[in-house]
Amino acid sequence: MINGVDGLPGRIREAREYLGLSQQFVSDQLGIHRASVTEIEKGRRKVSAEELAQLAKLLRRPAGWLLTGQYDPPVVLPPRLIAVLDTLSERDREEVTRFAEFIAHAGGPPRPREEKG
């Protein structure tokens, strides 16, 4: 339960706050008034199917999780990391992936590199 609100409204608010998005940003993206976002998060306004699809994409969560809470949300990468990864070459992204795997396995040996070309 998020601040006394559970279900869909609480999950929307939780995901929005986790991503650091303002209600104004969400309202701008959905094309609705900011007050409508507040009402949705308080459980006082229903969400249309179209709004649910937009919210799921914006909040980087499956619509099923927003509706039921039964699915684990996907790992959400910080926007800063996504921006940096977008600037890297494919080879550099592979190196970052290998490093992340190395860290995840508490220093276990990295996979051997594939030789290209």
Protein backbone atom coordinates (compact mmCIF):
# COMPACT_ATOMS: atom_id res chain seq x y z
CA MET A 1 0.00 0.00 0.00
CA ILE A 2 1.43 3.39 -1.02
CA ASN A 3 0.39 6.26 1.28
CA GLY A 4 -2.96 4.62 1.98
CA VAL A 5 -3.65 3.83 -1.69
CA ASP A 6 -3.11 0.38 -3.10
CA GLY A 7 -4.01 -1.34 -6.33
CA LEU A 8 -3.59 0.36 -9.67
CA PRO A 9 -3.42 3.92 -8.24
CA GLY A 10 -0.67 3.00 -5.79
CA ARG A 11 1.36 1.13 -8.38
CA ILE A 12 1.14 4.06 -10.81
CA ARG A 13 2.37 6.44 -8.13
CA GLU A 14 5.09 4.04 -6.97
CA ALA A 15 6.43 3.60 -10.52
CA ARG A 16 6.25 7.34 -11.27
CA GLU A 17 8.11 8.26 -8.09
CA TYR A 18 10.69 5.50 -8.62
CA LEU A 19 11.52 6.99 -12.02
CA GLY A 20 11.60 10.49 -10.57
CA LEU A 21 8.84 11.72 -12.87
CA SER A 22 6.61 14.60 -11.83
CA GLN A 23 2.85 14.47 -12.11
CA GLN A 24 3.14 17.38 -14.54
CA PHE A 25 5.49 15.38 -16.79
CA VAL A 26 3.09 12.41 -16.78
CA SER A 27 0.13 14.66 -17.53
CA ASP A 28 2.00 16.30 -20.43
CA GLN A 29 2.88 12.88 -21.89
CA LEU A 30 -0.68 11.59 -21.56
CA GLY A 31 -2.30 14.82 -22.73
CA ILE A 32 -4.41 15.18 -19.58
CA HIS A 33 -4.53 17.76 -16.79
CA ARG A 34 -2.09 17.38 -13.89
CA ALA A 35 -5.06 17.26 -11.53
CA SER A 36 -6.25 14.16 -13.41
CA VAL A 37 -2.97 12.41 -12.60
CA THR A 38 -3.48 13.30 -8.94
CA GLU A 39 -7.01 11.90 -9.08
CA ILE A 40 -5.78 8.70 -10.76
CA GLU A 41 -3.12 8.22 -8.07
CA LYS A 42 -5.71 8.76 -5.33
CA GLY A 43 -8.06 6.22 -6.91
CA ARG A 44 -10.68 8.87 -7.63
CA ARG A 45 -10.46 8.70 -11.45
CA LYS A 46 -10.61 5.66 -13.69
CA VAL A 47 -7.93 5.00 -16.28
CA SER A 48 -8.96 4.27 -19.86
CA ALA A 49 -7.37 1.38 -21.77
CA GLU A 50 -5.47 3.89 -23.92
CA GLU A 51 -4.18 5.74 -20.85
CA LEU A 52 -3.15 2.43 -19.27
CA ALA A 53 -1.11 1.53 -22.35
CA GLN A 54 0.51 4.98 -22.34
CA LEU A 55 1.24 4.76 -18.61
CA ALA A 56 2.78 1.29 -18.95
CA LYS A 57 5.13 2.54 -21.65
CA LEU A 58 5.96 5.77 -19.84
CA LEU A 59 6.50 4.06 -16.48
CA ARG A 60 8.40 1.15 -18.04
CA ARG A 61 6.15 -1.42 -16.41
CA PRO A 62 3.96 -4.13 -17.91
CA ALA A 63 0.29 -3.15 -18.00
CA GLY A 64 -0.46 -6.45 -16.23
CA TRP A 65 1.70 -5.43 -13.30
CA LEU A 66 0.02 -2.02 -13.11
CA LEU A 67 -3.38 -3.73 -13.05
CA THR A 68 -2.72 -6.68 -10.77
CA GLY A 69 0.67 -6.28 -9.13
CA GLN A 70 1.29 -9.96 -9.88
CA TYR A 71 4.18 -9.46 -12.29
CA ASP A 72 7.59 -8.33 -11.25
CA PRO A 73 8.40 -5.03 -12.94
CA PRO A 74 11.35 -5.21 -15.31
CA VAL A 75 14.70 -3.87 -14.25
CA VAL A 76 14.60 -0.15 -14.83
CA LEU A 77 17.83 1.45 -15.91
CA PRO A 78 18.46 5.02 -14.85
CA PRO A 79 17.86 7.45 -17.75
CA ARG A 80 21.45 8.69 -17.41
CA LEU A 81 22.79 5.18 -17.99
CA ILE A 82 20.51 4.67 -20.99
CA ALA A 83 21.71 7.95 -22.49
CA VAL A 84 25.35 6.93 -22.08
CA LEU A 85 24.77 3.44 -23.49
CA ASP A 86 23.11 4.95 -26.56
CA THR A 87 26.35 6.79 -27.38
CA LEU A 88 28.54 3.67 -27.24
CA SER A 89 29.57 1.43 -30.11
CA GLU A 90 28.28 -2.14 -30.19
CA ARG A 91 31.71 -3.36 -29.06
CA ASP A 92 31.76 -0.94 -26.11
CA ARG A 93 28.22 -2.00 -25.11
CA GLU A 94 29.43 -5.60 -25.08
CA GLU A 95 32.30 -4.58 -22.78
CA VAL A 96 29.86 -2.82 -20.44
CA THR A 97 27.67 -5.94 -20.43
CA ARG A 98 30.65 -8.16 -19.63
CA PHE A 99 31.67 -5.82 -16.80
CA ALA A 100 28.12 -5.84 -15.39
CA GLU A 101 28.09 -9.62 -15.50
CA PHE A 102 31.45 -9.66 -13.75
CA ILE A 103 30.08 -7.45 -10.96
CA ALA A 104 26.86 -9.48 -10.72
CA HIS A 105 28.82 -12.68 -10.19
CA ALA A 106 30.88 -11.14 -7.39
CA GLY A 107 34.08 -11.12 -9.32
CA GLY A 108 33.69 -14.46 -11.06
CA PRO A 109 35.66 -14.95 -14.24
CA PRO A 110 34.31 -13.05 -17.27
CA ARG A 111 33.30 -14.92 -20.39
CA PRO A 112 35.96 -15.29 -23.05
CA ARG A 113 35.81 -12.67 -25.78
CA GLU A 114 34.73 -13.64 -29.24
CA GLU A 115 37.23 -12.69 -31.86
CA LYS A 116 35.68 -10.76 -34.73
CA GLY A 117 36.81 -10.54 -38.25
